[in-house]
Amino acid sequence: MNIANSGSVNDIAKALGEDGEEFRKIHSPVLRKFASGELNEEEYWQKLSEATGKPRPQNWYELWREKAKQNTCLRTEMVKFVDELKQQGIRCILLSNSIPPHEEIARERGWYKSFDSLYFSIRTGFYKPDIKAYENVLKSEGLRAEECVFVDDTKANLVPARQLGIKTILAISPAQIIAEVRQGVEKER
């Protein structure tokens, strides 16, 4: 899920009594700092309060979490596919722009168990599409770009990966992702 476009942002705007589109302009840089670990959750709300001149909502702690619980659904076919790739000896690494509430809920639901390694913007400080996010994974994992495939649902996040020589797939649906990855794996053999 792209956190910048999630329904949570609309709920936060509404809770602060702000207009959705104008609020996004204010919210985007604050969210980026939150998701990069530059701000903790309380500081995130403080910055929004300062930028809008509105007090922090009473239910500030629950806003992200409740919406994340509603909006994030596990794609069981993707989990099975990741497990299938791992059985073939293919390493599966997650690179995600994430905020603490989303990561907490996904961990509670066991969504990350199938991955070999996890790279969250809140831990690394690198927010996609910053090329450093991809370079960090390559370096940390001891990988060459040309031996990797990067799947993402945001076109802008594919650009730096391609610049580094990583093969990319724009995620449209689970079936499409699985078909394209399988096709790439078969070509490599």
C-alpha atoms as a PDB file:
ATOM      1  CA  MET A   1       0.000   0.000   0.000  1.00  0.00           C
ATOM      2  CA  ASN A   2       1.272   3.424  -0.884  1.00  0.00           C
ATOM      3  CA  ILE A   3       1.086   5.273   2.433  1.00  0.00           C
ATOM      4  CA  ALA A   4       0.962   8.704   0.813  1.00  0.00           C
ATOM      5  CA  ASN A   5      -2.223   7.829  -1.075  1.00  0.00           C
ATOM      6  CA  SER A   6      -3.989   5.810   1.578  1.00  0.00           C
ATOM      7  CA  GLY A   7      -7.384   6.680   2.962  1.00  0.00           C
ATOM      8  CA  SER A   8      -5.625   7.406   6.252  1.00  0.00           C
ATOM      9  CA  VAL A   9      -4.435  10.750   4.886  1.00  0.00           C
ATOM     10  CA  ASN A  10      -8.022  11.769   4.147  1.00  0.00           C
ATOM     11  CA  ASP A  11      -9.059  10.743   7.657  1.00  0.00           C
ATOM     12  CA  ILE A  12      -6.206  12.752   9.155  1.00  0.00           C
ATOM     13  CA  ALA A  13      -7.179  15.793   7.067  1.00  0.00           C
ATOM     14  CA  LYS A  14     -10.781  15.419   8.210  1.00  0.00           C
ATOM     15  CA  ALA A  15      -9.729  15.047  11.862  1.00  0.00           C
ATOM     16  CA  LEU A  16      -7.807  18.306  11.574  1.00  0.00           C
ATOM     17  CA  GLY A  17     -10.649  20.017   9.710  1.00  0.00           C
ATOM     18  CA  GLU A  18      -8.530  20.420   6.569  1.00  0.00           C
ATOM     19  CA  ASP A  19      -9.275  20.176   2.837  1.00  0.00           C
ATOM     20  CA  GLY A  20      -7.960  16.958   1.285  1.00  0.00           C
ATOM     21  CA  GLU A  21      -5.932  18.360  -1.635  1.00  0.00           C
ATOM     22  CA  GLU A  22      -4.486  21.370   0.175  1.00  0.00           C
ATOM     23  CA  PHE A  23      -3.734  19.187   3.163  1.00  0.00           C
ATOM     24  CA  ARG A  24      -1.758  16.732   1.012  1.00  0.00           C
ATOM     25  CA  LYS A  25       0.655  19.544   0.135  1.00  0.00           C
ATOM     26  CA  ILE A  26       1.258  20.182   3.833  1.00  0.00           C
ATOM     27  CA  HIS A  27       1.188  16.524   4.777  1.00  0.00           C
ATOM     28  CA  SER A  28       3.532  15.054   2.187  1.00  0.00           C
ATOM     29  CA  PRO A  29       6.836  16.480   3.506  1.00  0.00           C
ATOM     30  CA  VAL A  30       5.846  15.741   7.114  1.00  0.00           C
ATOM     31  CA  LEU A  31       4.899  12.158   6.203  1.00  0.00           C
ATOM     32  CA  ARG A  32       8.199  11.691   4.395  1.00  0.00           C
ATOM     33  CA  LYS A  33      10.096  12.724   7.540  1.00  0.00           C
ATOM     34  CA  PHE A  34       7.922  10.407   9.642  1.00  0.00           C
ATOM     35  CA  ALA A  35       8.416   7.478   7.272  1.00  0.00           C
ATOM     36  CA  SER A  36      12.173   8.138   7.111  1.00  0.00           C
ATOM     37  CA  GLY A  37      12.497   7.994  10.873  1.00  0.00           C
ATOM     38  CA  GLU A  38      13.347  11.708  11.203  1.00  0.00           C
ATOM     39  CA  LEU A  39      10.200  12.237  13.274  1.00  0.00           C
ATOM     40  CA  ASN A  40       8.595   9.927  15.781  1.00  0.00           C
ATOM     41  CA  GLU A  41       4.817   9.597  15.805  1.00  0.00           C
ATOM     42  CA  GLU A  42       4.249  12.310  18.381  1.00  0.00           C
ATOM     43  CA  GLU A  43       6.563  14.712  16.505  1.00  0.00           C
ATOM     44  CA  TYR A  44       4.686  13.924  13.274  1.00  0.00           C
ATOM     45  CA  TRP A  45       1.427  15.058  14.888  1.00  0.00           C
ATOM     46  CA  GLN A  46       3.104  18.103  16.408  1.00  0.00           C
ATOM     47  CA  LYS A  47       4.439  19.185  12.981  1.00  0.00           C
ATOM     48  CA  LEU A  48       0.980  18.745  11.418  1.00  0.00           C
ATOM     49  CA  SER A  49      -0.585  20.723  14.234  1.00  0.00           C
ATOM     50  CA  GLU A  50       1.937  23.540  13.754  1.00  0.00           C
ATOM     51  CA  ALA A  51       1.523  23.551   9.946  1.00  0.00           C
ATOM     52  CA  THR A  52      -2.277  23.650  10.071  1.00  0.00           C
ATOM     53  CA  GLY A  53      -2.698  25.719  13.227  1.00  0.00           C
ATOM     54  CA  LYS A  54      -5.077  23.049  14.520  1.00  0.00           C
ATOM     55  CA  PRO A  55      -4.761  21.023  17.724  1.00  0.00           C
ATOM     56  CA  ARG A  56      -3.819  17.370  17.518  1.00  0.00           C
ATOM     57  CA  PRO A  57      -6.983  15.226  17.396  1.00  0.00           C
ATOM     58  CA  GLN A  58      -7.925  13.342  20.571  1.00  0.00           C
ATOM     59  CA  ASN A  59      -7.720  10.012  18.733  1.00  0.00           C
ATOM     60  CA  TRP A  60      -4.393  10.764  17.016  1.00  0.00           C
ATOM     61  CA  TYR A  61      -2.844   7.458  18.063  1.00  0.00           C
ATOM     62  CA  GLU A  62      -5.668   5.363  16.609  1.00  0.00           C
ATOM     63  CA  LEU A  63      -6.143   7.229  13.310  1.00  0.00           C
ATOM     64  CA  TRP A  64      -3.361   5.535  11.337  1.00  0.00           C
ATOM     65  CA  ARG A  65      -3.838   2.171  13.024  1.00  0.00           C
ATOM     66  CA  GLU A  66      -7.575   1.881  12.477  1.00  0.00           C
ATOM     67  CA  LYS A  67      -7.342   2.802   8.812  1.00  0.00           C
ATOM     68  CA  ALA A  68      -4.334   0.540   8.293  1.00  0.00           C
ATOM     69  CA  LYS A  69      -6.287  -2.371   9.762  1.00  0.00           C
ATOM     70  CA  GLN A  70      -9.132  -1.683   7.333  1.00  0.00           C
ATOM     71  CA  ASN A  71      -7.061  -0.925   4.227  1.00  0.00           C
ATOM     72  CA  THR A  72      -4.275  -3.454   4.355  1.00  0.00           C
ATOM     73  CA  CYS A  73      -5.244  -6.864   3.187  1.00  0.00           C
ATOM     74  CA  LEU A  74      -2.874  -9.756   2.844  1.00  0.00           C
ATOM     75  CA  ARG A  75      -2.586 -11.165  -0.638  1.00  0.00           C
ATOM     76  CA  THR A  76      -2.280 -14.850   0.206  1.00  0.00           C
ATOM     77  CA  GLU A  77      -1.331 -15.665  -3.388  1.00  0.00           C
ATOM     78  CA  MET A  78       1.663 -13.327  -3.037  1.00  0.00           C
ATOM     79  CA  VAL A  79       2.758 -14.940   0.227  1.00  0.00           C
ATOM     80  CA  LYS A  80       2.545 -18.373  -1.405  1.00  0.00           C
ATOM     81  CA  PHE A  81       4.522 -17.087  -4.370  1.00  0.00           C
ATOM     82  CA  VAL A  82       7.275 -15.650  -2.175  1.00  0.00           C
ATOM     83  CA  ASP A  83       7.459 -19.016  -0.405  1.00  0.00           C
ATOM     84  CA  GLU A  84       7.645 -20.755  -3.803  1.00  0.00           C
ATOM     85  CA  LEU A  85      10.521 -18.497  -4.894  1.00  0.00           C
ATOM     86  CA  LYS A  86      12.384 -19.188  -1.668  1.00  0.00           C
ATOM     87  CA  GLN A  87      11.982 -22.953  -2.214  1.00  0.00           C
ATOM     88  CA  GLN A  88      13.713 -22.405  -5.568  1.00  0.00           C
ATOM     89  CA  GLY A  89      16.624 -20.754  -3.765  1.00  0.00           C
ATOM     90  CA  ILE A  90      15.634 -17.219  -4.731  1.00  0.00           C
ATOM     91  CA  ARG A  91      16.129 -14.629  -2.007  1.00  0.00           C
ATOM     92  CA  CYS A  92      13.145 -12.376  -1.360  1.00  0.00           C
ATOM     93  CA  ILE A  93      13.781  -8.987   0.205  1.00  0.00           C
ATOM     94  CA  LEU A  94      11.245  -6.353   1.192  1.00  0.00           C
ATOM     95  CA  LEU A  95      12.023  -2.660   0.633  1.00  0.00           C
ATOM     96  CA  SER A  96       9.187  -0.548   1.977  1.00  0.00           C
ATOM     97  CA  ASN A  97       8.303   3.037   2.757  1.00  0.00           C
ATOM     98  CA  SER A  98       6.564   2.421   6.026  1.00  0.00           C
ATOM     99  CA  ILE A  99       5.435   4.121   9.171  1.00  0.00           C
ATOM    100  CA  PRO A 100       5.270   2.507  12.610  1.00  0.00           C
ATOM    101  CA  PRO A 101       1.493   1.884  12.658  1.00  0.00           C
ATOM    102  CA  HIS A 102       1.576   0.053   9.316  1.00  0.00           C
ATOM    103  CA  GLU A 103       4.637  -1.972  10.226  1.00  0.00           C
ATOM    104  CA  GLU A 104       3.144  -2.920  13.610  1.00  0.00           C
ATOM    105  CA  ILE A 105      -0.074  -4.199  12.068  1.00  0.00           C
ATOM    106  CA  ALA A 106       1.689  -6.101   9.296  1.00  0.00           C
ATOM    107  CA  ARG A 107       4.047  -7.735  11.822  1.00  0.00           C
ATOM    108  CA  GLU A 108       1.106  -8.684  14.056  1.00  0.00           C
ATOM    109  CA  ARG A 109      -0.500 -10.373  11.081  1.00  0.00           C
ATOM    110  CA  GLY A 110       2.708 -12.236  10.229  1.00  0.00           C
ATOM    111  CA  TRP A 111       3.071 -10.731   6.779  1.00  0.00           C
ATOM    112  CA  TYR A 112       6.843 -10.433   6.835  1.00  0.00           C
ATOM    113  CA  LYS A 113       7.676 -14.003   7.835  1.00  0.00           C
ATOM    114  CA  SER A 114       8.330 -15.154   4.278  1.00  0.00           C
ATOM    115  CA  PHE A 115      10.984 -12.549   3.471  1.00  0.00           C
ATOM    116  CA  ASP A 116      14.693 -13.146   3.921  1.00  0.00           C
ATOM    117  CA  SER A 117      15.408  -9.504   4.784  1.00  0.00           C
ATOM    118  CA  LEU A 118      13.352  -6.410   5.570  1.00  0.00           C
ATOM    119  CA  TYR A 119      14.320  -2.806   4.776  1.00  0.00           C
ATOM    120  CA  PHE A 120      11.895  -0.209   6.122  1.00  0.00           C
ATOM    121  CA  SER A 121      12.329   3.495   5.488  1.00  0.00           C
ATOM    122  CA  ILE A 122      11.667   4.156   9.178  1.00  0.00           C
ATOM    123  CA  ARG A 123      14.722   2.068  10.078  1.00  0.00           C
ATOM    124  CA  THR A 124      17.117   2.842   7.219  1.00  0.00           C
ATOM    125  CA  GLY A 125      16.276   6.536   6.843  1.00  0.00           C
ATOM    126  CA  PHE A 126      16.009   6.074   3.058  1.00  0.00           C
ATOM    127  CA  TYR A 127      12.604   6.756   1.492  1.00  0.00           C
ATOM    128  CA  LYS A 128      11.821   5.467  -2.004  1.00  0.00           C
ATOM    129  CA  PRO A 129      12.414   6.782  -4.641  1.00  0.00           C
ATOM    130  CA  ASP A 130      15.689   8.003  -3.098  1.00  0.00           C
ATOM    131  CA  ILE A 131      18.330   5.989  -4.961  1.00  0.00           C
ATOM    132  CA  LYS A 132      20.151   5.492  -1.644  1.00  0.00           C
ATOM    133  CA  ALA A 133      17.334   3.171  -0.522  1.00  0.00           C
ATOM    134  CA  TYR A 134      18.154   0.755  -3.357  1.00  0.00           C
ATOM    135  CA  GLU A 135      21.921   1.174  -3.021  1.00  0.00           C
ATOM    136  CA  ASN A 136      21.628   0.396   0.694  1.00  0.00           C
ATOM    137  CA  VAL A 137      19.846  -2.902   0.007  1.00  0.00           C
ATOM    138  CA  LEU A 138      22.327  -3.907  -2.712  1.00  0.00           C
ATOM    139  CA  LYS A 139      25.314  -3.133  -0.496  1.00  0.00           C
ATOM    140  CA  SER A 140      23.870  -4.671   2.676  1.00  0.00           C
ATOM    141  CA  GLU A 141      22.847  -7.849   0.871  1.00  0.00           C
ATOM    142  CA  GLY A 142      26.005  -8.111  -1.245  1.00  0.00           C
ATOM    143  CA  LEU A 143      23.981  -8.109  -4.463  1.00  0.00           C
ATOM    144  CA  ARG A 144      24.678  -6.843  -7.964  1.00  0.00           C
ATOM    145  CA  ALA A 145      21.872  -4.775  -9.473  1.00  0.00           C
ATOM    146  CA  GLU A 146      21.619  -6.869 -12.636  1.00  0.00           C
ATOM    147  CA  GLU A 147      20.782  -9.986 -10.622  1.00  0.00           C
ATOM    148  CA  CYS A 148      17.769  -8.349  -8.935  1.00  0.00           C
ATOM    149  CA  VAL A 149      14.128  -7.739  -9.775  1.00  0.00           C
ATOM    150  CA  PHE A 150      12.243  -4.950  -8.022  1.00  0.00           C
ATOM    151  CA  VAL A 151       8.428  -4.931  -7.870  1.00  0.00           C
ATOM    152  CA  ASP A 152       6.546  -1.804  -6.792  1.00  0.00           C
ATOM    153  CA  ASP A 153       3.078  -0.319  -7.262  1.00  0.00           C
ATOM    154  CA  THR A 154       4.399   3.213  -7.835  1.00  0.00           C
ATOM    155  CA  LYS A 155       6.051   4.084 -11.162  1.00  0.00           C
ATOM    156  CA  ALA A 156       8.335   6.706  -9.620  1.00  0.00           C
ATOM    157  CA  ASN A 157       9.833   4.065  -7.328  1.00  0.00           C
ATOM    158  CA  LEU A 158      10.890   1.971 -10.341  1.00  0.00           C
ATOM    159  CA  VAL A 159      12.992   4.724 -11.936  1.00  0.00           C
ATOM    160  CA  PRO A 160      16.020   4.680  -9.581  1.00  0.00           C
ATOM    161  CA  ALA A 161      16.022   0.880  -9.537  1.00  0.00           C
ATOM    162  CA  ARG A 162      16.239   0.879 -13.352  1.00  0.00           C
ATOM    163  CA  GLN A 163      18.990   3.504 -13.243  1.00  0.00           C
ATOM    164  CA  LEU A 164      21.031   1.112 -11.118  1.00  0.00           C
ATOM    165  CA  GLY A 165      20.432  -1.762 -13.563  1.00  0.00           C
ATOM    166  CA  ILE A 166      17.774  -3.582 -11.563  1.00  0.00           C
ATOM    167  CA  LYS A 167      14.994  -5.207 -13.577  1.00  0.00           C
ATOM    168  CA  THR A 168      11.641  -3.693 -12.591  1.00  0.00           C
ATOM    169  CA  ILE A 169       8.001  -4.707 -12.599  1.00  0.00           C
ATOM    170  CA  LEU A 170       5.112  -2.307 -12.044  1.00  0.00           C
ATOM    171  CA  ALA A 171       2.709  -4.118  -9.715  1.00  0.00           C
ATOM    172  CA  ILE A 172      -0.807  -4.051 -11.105  1.00  0.00           C
ATOM    173  CA  SER A 173      -2.242  -7.307  -9.798  1.00  0.00           C
ATOM    174  CA  PRO A 174      -0.970 -10.420  -8.039  1.00  0.00           C
ATOM    175  CA  ALA A 175      -1.541 -12.555 -11.149  1.00  0.00           C
ATOM    176  CA  GLN A 176       0.419 -10.119 -13.338  1.00  0.00           C
ATOM    177  CA  ILE A 177       3.309  -9.907 -10.853  1.00  0.00           C
ATOM    178  CA  ILE A 178       3.532 -13.675 -10.533  1.00  0.00           C
ATOM    179  CA  ALA A 179       3.438 -14.176 -14.309  1.00  0.00           C
ATOM    180  CA  GLU A 180       6.150 -11.571 -14.972  1.00  0.00           C
ATOM    181  CA  VAL A 181       8.449 -12.814 -12.216  1.00  0.00           C
ATOM    182  CA  ARG A 182       8.031 -16.441 -13.328  1.00  0.00           C
ATOM    183  CA  GLN A 183       8.800 -15.423 -16.905  1.00  0.00           C
ATOM    184  CA  GLY A 184      11.978 -13.661 -15.742  1.00  0.00           C
ATOM    185  CA  VAL A 185      13.059 -16.626 -13.602  1.00  0.00           C
ATOM    186  CA  GLU A 186      12.574 -19.007 -16.541  1.00  0.00           C
ATOM    187  CA  LYS A 187      14.668 -16.749 -18.823  1.00  0.00           C
ATOM    188  CA  GLU A 188      17.509 -16.818 -16.302  1.00  0.00           C
ATOM    189  CA  ARG A 189      17.626 -20.613 -16.294  1.00  0.00           C
END
